[in-house]
Amino acid sequence: MKVLINGTMKFAKKLGHTEFSIGSFFRDLDLSDKIFSKPSEQSKFIYTKDERKKLYKFFMNDPKIYHLALALQCLTGLRIGELSTLKKEDNIEPNKLFIHRTECKYQSADGKQRIGVKEEATAIIAFRACFKPKQL
């Protein structure tokens, strides 16, 4: 955006349409470059509420195990590692899940990458109750 405005104003000044100096304006403007930066790559992967509803309906119309898992993820915000380690006993109330374990990658003694289940949390946020909508 900054480049576009700067180029347009310089071109207008060159043609004699303005005496305004955009360069001095931007030099005097005390703003962080982050204001004019592109959205992060991660923000491209955040679904809107409407998109989550559409995904949920799609998954529920074809109730395969992985579609049901994805529907639960859409509704609750569970991370993939949390979803894959759920157990029946985590359903502590009719519409509440207790999230306290996750998958983790680690390097074994033989130097190979392994995936295991981490039973204890390293952060307070990892121990939490997650509410399930009644339609599940």
Protein backbone atom coordinates (compact mmCIF):
# COMPACT_ATOMS: atom_id res chain seq x y z
CA MET A 1 0.00 0.00 0.00
CA LYS A 2 2.78 2.38 0.98
CA VAL A 3 4.64 1.69 -2.28
CA LEU A 4 1.49 2.24 -4.35
CA ILE A 5 0.67 5.58 -2.69
CA ASN A 6 4.29 6.72 -2.91
CA GLY A 7 4.55 5.86 -6.62
CA THR A 8 1.22 7.45 -7.51
CA MET A 9 2.05 10.71 -5.73
CA LYS A 10 5.55 10.92 -7.26
CA PHE A 11 4.04 10.39 -10.72
CA ALA A 12 1.40 13.10 -10.08
CA LYS A 13 4.13 15.53 -8.95
CA LYS A 14 6.24 14.71 -12.03
CA LEU A 15 3.26 15.54 -14.31
CA GLY A 16 2.68 18.80 -12.44
CA HIS A 17 -0.66 17.83 -10.90
CA THR A 18 0.56 18.54 -7.34
CA GLU A 19 3.35 20.21 -5.43
CA PHE A 20 2.85 17.88 -2.49
CA SER A 21 5.93 15.82 -1.60
CA ILE A 22 4.83 12.36 -0.53
CA GLY A 23 8.42 11.42 0.32
CA SER A 24 8.69 14.08 3.01
CA PHE A 25 5.24 13.12 4.26
CA PHE A 26 6.26 9.47 4.76
CA ARG A 27 9.59 10.52 6.34
CA ASP A 28 7.74 12.73 8.83
CA LEU A 29 5.06 10.14 9.51
CA ASP A 30 6.03 8.22 12.63
CA LEU A 31 4.47 4.83 11.96
CA SER A 32 5.85 1.34 12.23
CA ASP A 33 6.46 -0.52 8.95
CA LYS A 34 4.31 -3.33 10.38
CA ILE A 35 1.21 -1.21 9.70
CA PHE A 36 1.80 -1.56 5.97
CA SER A 37 2.87 -5.20 6.04
CA LYS A 38 0.99 -8.10 4.51
CA PRO A 39 -1.19 -10.28 6.71
CA SER A 40 0.71 -13.19 8.22
CA GLU A 41 0.66 -16.55 6.46
CA GLN A 42 -1.04 -18.04 9.49
CA SER A 43 -4.04 -15.68 9.25
CA LYS A 44 -4.86 -17.12 5.81
CA PHE A 45 -5.76 -20.40 7.54
CA ILE A 46 -8.30 -19.03 10.01
CA TYR A 47 -11.86 -19.92 9.05
CA THR A 48 -14.74 -17.52 9.52
CA LYS A 49 -17.79 -18.59 11.51
CA ASP A 50 -19.74 -19.08 8.26
CA GLU A 51 -16.95 -21.21 6.76
CA ARG A 52 -16.84 -23.38 9.91
CA LYS A 53 -20.62 -23.92 9.69
CA LYS A 54 -20.35 -24.99 6.05
CA LEU A 55 -17.49 -27.36 6.84
CA TYR A 56 -19.45 -28.82 9.77
CA LYS A 57 -22.50 -29.48 7.58
CA PHE A 58 -20.30 -31.08 4.90
CA PHE A 59 -18.60 -33.36 7.45
CA MET A 60 -21.88 -34.37 9.10
CA ASN A 61 -23.49 -35.28 5.76
CA ASP A 62 -20.83 -37.98 5.24
CA PRO A 63 -20.22 -39.35 8.76
CA LYS A 64 -16.93 -41.17 8.29
CA ILE A 65 -14.69 -41.25 11.36
CA TYR A 66 -12.30 -38.61 10.03
CA HIS A 67 -15.21 -36.35 9.01
CA LEU A 68 -16.66 -36.62 12.52
CA ALA A 69 -13.25 -35.78 13.98
CA LEU A 70 -12.95 -32.73 11.74
CA ALA A 71 -16.50 -31.66 12.63
CA LEU A 72 -15.57 -31.84 16.32
CA GLN A 73 -12.44 -29.84 15.60
CA CYS A 74 -14.45 -27.16 13.74
CA LEU A 75 -16.85 -26.79 16.64
CA THR A 76 -14.41 -26.91 19.54
CA GLY A 77 -11.12 -25.55 18.20
CA LEU A 78 -9.18 -28.61 19.31
CA ARG A 79 -5.66 -28.91 17.97
CA ILE A 80 -4.88 -32.00 15.89
CA GLY A 81 -2.61 -33.44 18.59
CA GLU A 82 -5.34 -32.98 21.20
CA LEU A 83 -8.00 -34.48 18.96
CA SER A 84 -5.97 -37.58 18.16
CA THR A 85 -5.31 -38.35 21.84
CA LEU A 86 -8.89 -38.06 23.11
CA LYS A 87 -10.15 -40.98 25.15
CA LYS A 88 -13.66 -41.93 26.23
CA GLU A 89 -12.92 -40.89 29.82
CA ASP A 90 -12.16 -37.32 28.65
CA ASN A 91 -15.90 -36.83 28.18
CA ILE A 92 -16.38 -35.70 31.79
CA GLU A 93 -19.87 -34.22 31.37
CA PRO A 94 -22.48 -34.59 28.62
CA ASN A 95 -21.20 -31.56 26.69
CA LYS A 96 -17.71 -31.08 28.08
CA LEU A 97 -14.34 -32.57 27.18
CA PHE A 98 -11.32 -32.46 29.47
CA ILE A 99 -8.22 -31.70 27.37
CA HIS A 100 -5.01 -32.70 29.09
CA ARG A 101 -2.89 -34.68 26.65
CA THR A 102 -1.45 -34.11 23.19
CA GLU A 103 0.78 -35.72 20.61
CA CYS A 104 4.38 -34.64 20.54
CA LYS A 105 7.38 -35.31 18.35
CA TYR A 106 10.66 -36.31 19.90
CA GLN A 107 13.98 -37.79 18.90
CA SER A 108 14.54 -41.30 20.22
CA ALA A 109 17.85 -42.71 21.45
CA ASP A 110 18.53 -44.18 18.00
CA GLY A 111 18.24 -40.67 16.49
CA LYS A 112 14.91 -41.23 14.71
CA GLN A 113 11.92 -38.89 14.94
CA ARG A 114 9.07 -40.46 16.92
CA ILE A 115 5.56 -39.39 17.83
CA GLY A 116 4.30 -39.99 21.35
CA VAL A 117 1.56 -38.89 23.69
CA LYS A 118 2.37 -36.29 26.31
CA GLU A 119 0.10 -36.92 29.30
CA GLU A 120 1.07 -33.89 31.34
CA ALA A 121 0.82 -30.34 30.11
CA THR A 122 3.68 -27.87 30.03
CA ALA A 123 1.38 -24.84 29.92
CA ILE A 124 -1.66 -23.93 31.98
CA ILE A 125 -3.76 -23.51 28.80
CA ALA A 126 -3.23 -27.19 27.97
CA PHE A 127 -5.37 -28.21 30.96
CA ARG A 128 -8.79 -27.00 29.98
CA ALA A 129 -12.39 -27.96 29.53
CA CYS A 130 -13.75 -27.78 26.02
CA PHE A 131 -17.49 -27.45 25.48
CA LYS A 132 -19.14 -29.56 22.80
CA PRO A 133 -22.27 -28.25 21.09
CA LYS A 134 -25.35 -30.34 21.82
CA GLN A 135 -25.80 -31.41 18.19
CA LEU A 136 -22.79 -33.74 18.44
